[in-house]
Structures are given as C-alpha cells and as structure tokens.
Amino acid sequence: MKSVEPYLSVYEYTGRASSFNGIGKEVNDAAQRDNIKVVWRDLPIEVQRDNYKQVATYPKSFLDKHFGNDPAPQAYMIDQIYQKLLELENKFNILIYKLDKQPIHVDADDDELPF
C-alpha cells in the first residue's frame, strides 16, 4: 500500500501568515522552479475574501527541504556515525584480544610517566 504524502500550506507548516512577509511567494517560486506539484485547497468560507478564496499547499517533504528541516541529511549523518562506531568497536575488540594473549608486565622502576 502506497502512503500518501501530506500537503500543507505555508501557514500550516510554519504557523505564521506568509502572504504579508513574502514567504508564500518565495515558496511558490521555489516549487515552480523545482517542478513541485502545487495543490490548491478552498479556504473555509468564514476566512475567504474576494481575492483570497484558496490556499496553495505543498508536499511536506518539499517544505522540509525548503525550510532546512530535511530529515534525510540527519539520517545520513546517523548512518555515518553508526558505521564509525562499528569500526571503533571492531578495533577495540582486536585490542582486547591482543591484550588477553600477551600479559603486560609493568615494573614500578620503569615508569616512563612524567608525573
């Protein structure tokens, strides 16, 4: 079963009006440039005005990317950290194995520590 991506208006996504500060136009221009499908939704009658009866909505993934909330880079970074952790764990296990095979003898008079 295919999941349907939610479409949100800029207001729904940011929680702020977007027509007065130019963010709505900026998002629409970016959507047009990136060939993003824009879905127009009728506004409730009580908030409609003569020149404002519909609102543009955009895929949430597009809005995440546009506003810098894209989860993909975070997932990539987590994967990189996990891979590095596996490498370090492997090196640690090799070190422990070598230490178990060769006991360390420390002579108190041979202490090379500077303190």
Protein backbone atom coordinates (compact mmCIF):
# COMPACT_ATOMS: atom_id res chain seq x y z
CA MET A 1 0.00 0.00 0.00
CA LYS A 2 1.38 3.36 -1.03
CA SER A 3 1.46 6.10 1.59
CA VAL A 4 0.07 9.48 0.63
CA GLU A 5 2.30 12.41 1.45
CA PRO A 6 0.54 15.21 3.30
CA TYR A 7 0.18 18.57 1.57
CA LEU A 8 0.38 21.61 3.82
CA SER A 9 0.02 25.33 3.33
CA VAL A 10 2.94 27.52 4.38
CA TYR A 11 0.76 28.76 7.25
CA GLU A 12 0.08 25.21 8.44
CA TYR A 13 3.77 24.35 8.18
CA THR A 14 5.25 27.45 9.84
CA GLY A 15 2.33 28.58 11.99
CA ARG A 16 2.68 32.12 10.61
CA ALA A 17 0.93 34.04 7.87
CA SER A 18 3.01 34.02 4.71
CA SER A 19 1.30 36.46 2.36
CA PHE A 20 2.45 39.62 4.15
CA ASN A 21 6.15 38.82 4.51
CA GLY A 22 6.79 37.34 1.05
CA ILE A 23 7.47 33.80 2.26
CA GLY A 24 4.45 32.46 0.37
CA LYS A 25 5.75 33.88 -2.93
CA GLU A 26 9.26 32.59 -2.18
CA VAL A 27 7.95 29.07 -1.53
CA ASN A 28 5.72 29.17 -4.62
CA ASP A 29 8.63 30.35 -6.81
CA ALA A 30 10.82 27.53 -5.45
CA ALA A 31 8.07 24.98 -6.08
CA GLN A 32 7.66 26.19 -9.67
CA ARG A 33 11.44 26.11 -10.22
CA ASP A 34 11.67 22.55 -8.83
CA ASN A 35 8.55 21.33 -10.71
CA ILE A 36 6.73 20.56 -7.46
CA LYS A 37 3.03 19.86 -7.79
CA VAL A 38 1.02 22.58 -6.02
CA VAL A 39 -2.45 21.62 -4.82
CA TRP A 40 -4.95 24.43 -4.26
CA ARG A 41 -7.39 23.99 -1.38
CA ASP A 42 -10.54 26.04 -0.76
CA LEU A 43 -10.42 28.08 2.41
CA PRO A 44 -13.27 27.89 4.91
CA ILE A 45 -15.98 30.39 3.92
CA GLU A 46 -15.56 32.43 7.11
CA VAL A 47 -11.94 33.36 6.20
CA GLN A 48 -12.42 33.83 2.47
CA ARG A 49 -12.08 37.28 0.93
CA ASP A 50 -12.93 38.46 -2.56
CA ASN A 51 -9.37 37.95 -3.80
CA TYR A 52 -8.41 35.12 -1.42
CA LYS A 53 -10.58 32.01 -1.63
CA GLN A 54 -7.95 29.29 -1.95
CA VAL A 55 -4.56 28.49 -0.48
CA ALA A 56 -1.64 26.73 -2.12
CA THR A 57 -0.42 23.56 -0.44
CA TYR A 58 2.89 21.77 -0.98
CA PRO A 59 4.25 18.32 -0.15
CA LYS A 60 5.63 18.22 3.39
CA SER A 61 8.95 16.82 2.12
CA PHE A 62 9.36 19.86 -0.14
CA LEU A 63 8.60 22.24 2.73
CA ASP A 64 11.04 20.35 4.99
CA LYS A 65 13.77 20.75 2.38
CA HIS A 66 12.91 24.38 1.62
CA PHE A 67 12.93 25.44 5.28
CA GLY A 68 16.03 23.40 6.14
CA ASN A 69 14.22 20.71 8.11
CA ASP A 70 15.06 17.88 5.74
CA PRO A 71 15.43 14.67 7.79
CA ALA A 72 17.45 12.92 5.07
CA PRO A 73 20.82 14.55 5.93
CA GLN A 74 20.26 13.70 9.60
CA ALA A 75 19.61 10.07 8.72
CA TYR A 76 22.76 10.06 6.57
CA MET A 77 24.81 11.50 9.44
CA ILE A 78 23.41 8.94 11.88
CA ASP A 79 24.36 6.17 9.45
CA GLN A 80 27.92 7.57 9.16
CA ILE A 81 28.24 7.76 12.96
CA TYR A 82 26.95 4.21 13.30
CA GLN A 83 29.47 2.91 10.73
CA LYS A 84 32.31 4.70 12.54
CA LEU A 85 31.12 3.24 15.84
CA LEU A 86 31.21 -0.27 14.34
CA GLU A 87 34.77 0.34 13.11
CA LEU A 88 35.88 1.55 16.54
CA GLU A 89 34.17 -1.37 18.24
CA ASN A 90 36.00 -3.77 15.94
CA LYS A 91 39.36 -2.10 16.66
CA PHE A 92 38.61 -2.19 20.38
CA ASN A 93 37.79 -5.91 20.24
CA ILE A 94 41.06 -6.61 18.39
CA LEU A 95 42.98 -4.66 21.04
CA ILE A 96 41.28 -6.55 23.88
CA TYR A 97 42.04 -9.85 22.14
CA LYS A 98 45.73 -8.93 21.80
CA LEU A 99 45.93 -7.83 25.44
CA ASP A 100 44.40 -11.09 26.58
CA LYS A 101 47.02 -13.05 24.62
CA GLN A 102 50.05 -11.05 25.85
CA PRO A 103 50.04 -10.14 29.53
CA ILE A 104 51.52 -6.77 30.34
CA HIS A 105 54.28 -6.63 32.98
CA VAL A 106 54.85 -3.22 34.48
CA ASP A 107 57.95 -2.63 36.55
CA ALA A 108 57.43 0.18 39.04
CA ASP A 109 61.00 1.45 38.41
CA ASP A 110 60.44 1.60 34.63
CA ASP A 111 57.57 4.04 34.87
CA GLU A 112 58.02 6.50 31.98
CA LEU A 113 55.22 8.78 33.03
CA PRO A 114 56.35 12.39 33.68
CA PHE A 115 54.48 12.73 36.95
